[in-house]
Each structure stands twice: as C-alpha cells, then as structure tokens.
Amino acid sequence: MNLKHLILGRLDNNCYILKKDNKCLIIDPADNAKKIIDACQGYLVEEILVTHHHWDHILALDELENYYHIKHNTFLRKTFSYEIIKTPGHASDSLTFYFKDEKIMFTGDFLFYHTIGRCDLESSNPKDMIESLKKIQTYPDDTLIYPGHGKSSILKEEKKYFNEYIFLLEKNTL
C-alpha cells in the first residue's frame, strides 16, 4: 500500500490518499478538491473516509462525492481492510481508522503528535476523550499515527502522555 499525504486548507489539514492495486481511498478531504482529484489520477476511488465532520476536514467532501459518485463513510472495505474505532472526545462523531496489516492508524483530531484534540468545543466531551484514550491504549505500540493536523508519530511515543491527559481531563484543566 502506498500513502500520499496532502496538506490542505487554512488550518493545514492532513488529507491522506491510500493506493493499492489501482484503487485508492481518501481520508479527510479537507479542501481543494482539484488537488485531491489530481493526486488520485489513474486510480479508482473506492471510498472516502471522514474522521469527524468539523468544517476543516470536509471542505472538499461534497465536490468529491459528486465527482466520484460515492458517499463517504460507507465502509465498503473492498480493497482496503481497516477497523473503525469510535473515538469521541474532540467531537462526538470522531472515528479512528486502523489498518492492522500496515500497522497504521488515522486519528483525525482525536490524537496528535504529543497532544490530543481540544475538548472545549460544542460537540466535545472530556469523559468520552478519557474512554477513547483508554481504548486506543490497547493497540500495538508500533502502530504509526497519522493525525488530522501536524506530523505523524508512533503510538508507543504517544502512550507516554496518556495518564497525564487523563489526569488533566478528570480535573477539567485540559
């Protein structure tokens, strides 16, 4: 599997395109549909996955759905095998996509390099974030993390901070 990383939009969102066997999958079409379409040139787009529906992650979504005649988050899993993990906290609809065979995880704004997503937004919930962190803690340490913004990481590195995040969330100071 080949991974293409695009940085799009005013908030420098990460959009990922996974390619395999002349097929591709788009994760978080943040902005600039033309750039995403160009990056998928020569591949059949099978799916569009969205980690959560905050505006900065879906600016190109409608245009891509119309262009490719597909709906997002239909979870077809024809060519690509992945697990869907509900990880609310930053947003009530947050999903993480875990590709076990490749040991990669797309976390949206739930988990970043050395931090987690904000929990002070309208659809945020600190208690949900705690449960999501506990859930993700059970995944293999060598899993690569691809977040919605910023640089990638490895789960072992991020797990070092989970207890601190949980403590601060419980005290309502994060």
Protein backbone atom coordinates (compact mmCIF):
# COMPACT_ATOMS: atom_id res chain seq x y z
CA MET A 1 0.00 0.00 0.00
CA ASN A 2 1.21 3.47 -0.91
CA LEU A 3 0.33 6.53 1.19
CA LYS A 4 0.13 10.05 -0.27
CA HIS A 5 -0.03 12.94 2.21
CA LEU A 6 -1.52 16.31 1.24
CA ILE A 7 -1.62 19.39 3.47
CA LEU A 8 -4.70 21.43 2.60
CA GLY A 9 -6.74 24.42 3.72
CA ARG A 10 -6.27 27.37 6.02
CA LEU A 11 -5.64 25.14 9.04
CA ASP A 12 -3.08 22.91 7.30
CA ASN A 13 -5.22 19.81 7.49
CA ASN A 14 -3.78 16.44 6.62
CA CYS A 15 -5.56 14.62 3.83
CA TYR A 16 -4.38 11.09 3.12
CA ILE A 17 -4.73 9.04 -0.03
CA LEU A 18 -4.07 5.33 0.21
CA LYS A 19 -3.29 3.50 -3.03
CA LYS A 20 -3.29 -0.22 -3.67
CA ASP A 21 -3.96 -2.43 -6.70
CA ASN A 22 -5.04 0.52 -8.92
CA LYS A 23 -7.60 1.56 -6.29
CA CYS A 24 -7.48 4.37 -3.77
CA LEU A 25 -9.16 5.64 -0.65
CA ILE A 26 -9.31 9.26 0.53
CA ILE A 27 -9.19 10.15 4.23
CA ASP A 28 -10.35 13.61 5.37
CA PRO A 29 -10.86 15.63 2.17
CA ALA A 30 -10.05 18.91 3.90
CA ASP A 31 -10.03 21.33 0.97
CA ASN A 32 -9.05 21.78 -2.68
CA ALA A 33 -10.95 19.01 -4.45
CA LYS A 34 -8.90 19.54 -7.61
CA LYS A 35 -5.66 18.79 -5.81
CA ILE A 36 -7.16 15.62 -4.33
CA ILE A 37 -8.56 14.52 -7.70
CA ASP A 38 -5.15 15.10 -9.30
CA ALA A 39 -3.48 13.02 -6.58
CA CYS A 40 -5.92 10.16 -7.31
CA GLN A 41 -5.37 10.30 -11.09
CA GLY A 42 -5.09 6.85 -12.61
CA TYR A 43 -6.73 5.13 -9.62
CA LEU A 44 -10.32 4.10 -9.00
CA VAL A 45 -11.52 5.91 -5.86
CA GLU A 46 -13.41 3.28 -3.86
CA GLU A 47 -14.05 5.16 -0.64
CA ILE A 48 -13.91 8.48 1.13
CA LEU A 49 -13.43 8.25 4.90
CA VAL A 50 -14.03 11.15 7.28
CA THR A 51 -12.66 11.03 10.82
CA HIS A 52 -15.16 13.66 12.01
CA HIS A 53 -17.35 16.33 10.47
CA HIS A 54 -15.71 19.56 11.60
CA TRP A 55 -15.69 22.03 8.72
CA ASP A 56 -11.91 21.99 8.19
CA HIS A 57 -11.92 18.23 7.47
CA ILE A 58 -14.73 18.20 4.91
CA LEU A 59 -14.47 21.33 2.75
CA ALA A 60 -13.93 19.26 -0.41
CA LEU A 61 -16.28 16.44 0.58
CA ASP A 62 -19.42 17.41 -1.38
CA GLU A 63 -17.45 18.11 -4.54
CA LEU A 64 -15.60 14.78 -4.31
CA GLU A 65 -18.77 12.82 -3.59
CA ASN A 66 -20.37 14.35 -6.68
CA TYR A 67 -17.28 13.86 -8.84
CA TYR A 68 -16.75 10.20 -7.91
CA HIS A 69 -20.45 9.36 -7.37
CA ILE A 70 -19.79 7.86 -3.95
CA LYS A 71 -20.83 8.70 -0.41
CA HIS A 72 -18.39 9.00 2.46
CA ASN A 73 -18.16 6.57 5.37
CA THR A 74 -19.96 3.73 3.65
CA PHE A 75 -17.19 1.40 4.89
CA LEU A 76 -17.13 -0.87 1.84
CA ARG A 77 -13.70 -2.37 2.57
CA LYS A 78 -13.33 -3.94 -0.89
CA THR A 79 -9.61 -3.39 -1.45
CA PHE A 80 -8.67 -1.85 1.89
CA SER A 81 -9.05 -3.67 5.19
CA TYR A 82 -9.45 -1.50 8.28
CA GLU A 83 -11.11 -1.35 11.65
CA ILE A 84 -13.43 1.50 12.58
CA ILE A 85 -12.84 2.68 16.14
CA LYS A 86 -15.24 5.14 17.75
CA THR A 87 -13.06 7.72 19.49
CA PRO A 88 -15.31 10.54 20.68
CA GLY A 89 -13.94 13.30 22.85
CA HIS A 90 -12.82 16.04 20.50
CA ALA A 91 -16.03 15.54 18.51
CA SER A 92 -18.99 13.31 19.24
CA ASP A 93 -18.66 11.59 15.84
CA SER A 94 -14.88 11.04 15.92
CA LEU A 95 -13.67 7.87 14.25
CA THR A 96 -10.20 6.39 14.06
CA PHE A 97 -9.34 4.08 11.17
CA TYR A 98 -6.88 1.30 12.00
CA PHE A 99 -5.18 -0.63 9.20
CA LYS A 100 -3.89 -3.64 11.13
CA ASP A 101 -1.85 -5.24 8.32
CA GLU A 102 0.03 -2.00 7.70
CA LYS A 103 0.12 -1.02 11.40
CA ILE A 104 -1.17 2.47 10.71
CA MET A 105 -3.92 4.49 12.33
CA PHE A 106 -5.66 7.66 11.11
CA THR A 107 -6.80 9.57 14.18
CA GLY A 108 -8.23 12.84 12.86
CA ASP A 109 -8.28 15.40 15.67
CA PHE A 110 -8.55 12.80 18.43
CA LEU A 111 -4.80 12.16 18.81
CA PHE A 112 -1.87 14.23 17.55
CA TYR A 113 1.90 14.24 17.98
CA HIS A 114 2.34 14.80 21.75
CA THR A 115 -1.18 16.09 22.35
CA ILE A 116 -4.87 15.34 21.98
CA GLY A 117 -7.77 17.19 20.40
CA ARG A 118 -9.48 20.05 22.16
CA CYS A 119 -12.33 19.10 24.45
CA ASP A 120 -13.87 22.56 24.90
CA LEU A 121 -15.91 22.64 21.70
CA GLU A 122 -19.69 22.25 21.41
CA SER A 123 -19.56 18.55 20.45
CA SER A 124 -16.58 17.75 22.70
CA ASN A 125 -16.71 15.68 25.86
CA PRO A 126 -13.75 15.18 28.23
CA LYS A 127 -15.20 11.95 29.68
CA ASP A 128 -15.53 10.50 26.18
CA MET A 129 -11.94 11.52 25.46
CA ILE A 130 -10.75 9.59 28.53
CA GLU A 131 -12.57 6.45 27.37
CA SER A 132 -11.20 6.85 23.85
CA LEU A 133 -7.64 7.15 25.15
CA LYS A 134 -8.11 4.01 27.24
CA LYS A 135 -9.43 2.19 24.18
CA ILE A 136 -6.54 3.25 21.91
CA GLN A 137 -4.02 2.32 24.61
CA THR A 138 -4.77 -1.36 23.88
CA TYR A 139 -3.43 -1.16 20.30
CA PRO A 140 0.14 -2.20 19.42
CA ASP A 141 2.94 0.19 20.37
CA ASP A 142 4.48 0.08 16.89
CA THR A 143 1.36 1.49 15.22
CA LEU A 144 2.06 4.60 13.16
CA ILE A 145 -0.27 7.51 13.93
CA TYR A 146 -1.43 9.84 11.15
CA PRO A 147 -3.35 12.77 12.68
CA GLY A 148 -5.63 15.40 11.17
CA HIS A 149 -3.01 18.15 11.61
CA GLY A 150 0.73 18.17 12.13
CA LYS A 151 3.30 15.44 11.89
CA SER A 152 2.89 11.70 12.29
CA SER A 153 4.00 9.72 15.32
CA ILE A 154 4.11 6.23 16.74
CA LEU A 155 1.62 5.01 19.32
CA LYS A 156 4.30 3.97 21.82
CA GLU A 157 5.52 7.57 21.89
CA GLU A 158 2.02 8.95 22.42
CA LYS A 159 1.04 6.45 25.13
CA LYS A 160 3.68 8.05 27.40
CA TYR A 161 1.37 11.04 27.81
CA PHE A 162 -2.00 9.28 28.18
CA ASN A 163 -2.01 9.19 32.00
CA GLU A 164 -1.22 12.90 32.13
CA TYR A 165 -4.02 13.70 29.65
CA ILE A 166 -6.47 11.57 31.64
CA PHE A 167 -5.46 13.26 34.91
CA LEU A 168 -5.92 16.73 33.40
CA LEU A 169 -9.22 15.80 31.76
CA GLU A 170 -10.53 14.43 35.07
CA LYS A 171 -9.53 17.68 36.79
CA ASN A 172 -11.18 19.63 33.94
CA THR A 173 -7.96 21.54 33.25
CA LEU A 174 -7.24 20.34 29.71
